Amino acid sequence: MLRFLAAALLLATLTAAGHAAPVAWRDWNGGLAAAASSGRPVIVDVYTDWCGWCKRMDRDVYARPDVGEYLNSHFVTIRLNAESGERVSYEGRTLSARMLAGGFRVTGYPTTIFLKSDGTHLANVPGYVPAVKFMKLVRFIGDGHMERGESWEEYSRSTPAN
């Protein structure tokens, strides 16, 4: 209990001092339930424990305050270990996290999956994505450009890189 209180105090202090909170990762089932109730789209970080590029994505992209702030306010964020036997539910079926990743055609790590709030698949983005490009990508989806039918090419041409 004491560790929890210390961590909560540290998080409150960092947030109050102008530092964004870290990405609020959820598990698959809890994240899909939160997305359905909030109406926010979902971003799924599909990773493995041994993946060096996944660790780099954590360190260089997800740890950035601007990334954490944007993801926490515009998305429900889910982490999925693609090699886990964890039981998850999707489209009325219960399966392992490994089977779910395979069903989304994840073949390399990391892979970022975007879903609508109802769980409908939008897109997979395989591989490590540098922070500036990642922010552009999440804004494309999080700000509704994709939902309004704007293509990535149109958005990329009309939007500055940073």
Foldseek 3Di string as FASTA:
>chain_A
DVVVVVVVVVQVVCVVVVFAHAAPADAQAVLLVVLLVVQAKEKEWEAAPPDPQSVVCVVQARPHRVNRVLCNVQHRYYYQHLPFQDWDDDPHDIGGSVVVCVVVVDDAPGKMWIAGSNRHTDDIDDTRDGRLQVVLVCCCPRVCVVVVPHDPVNSVVVDDSD
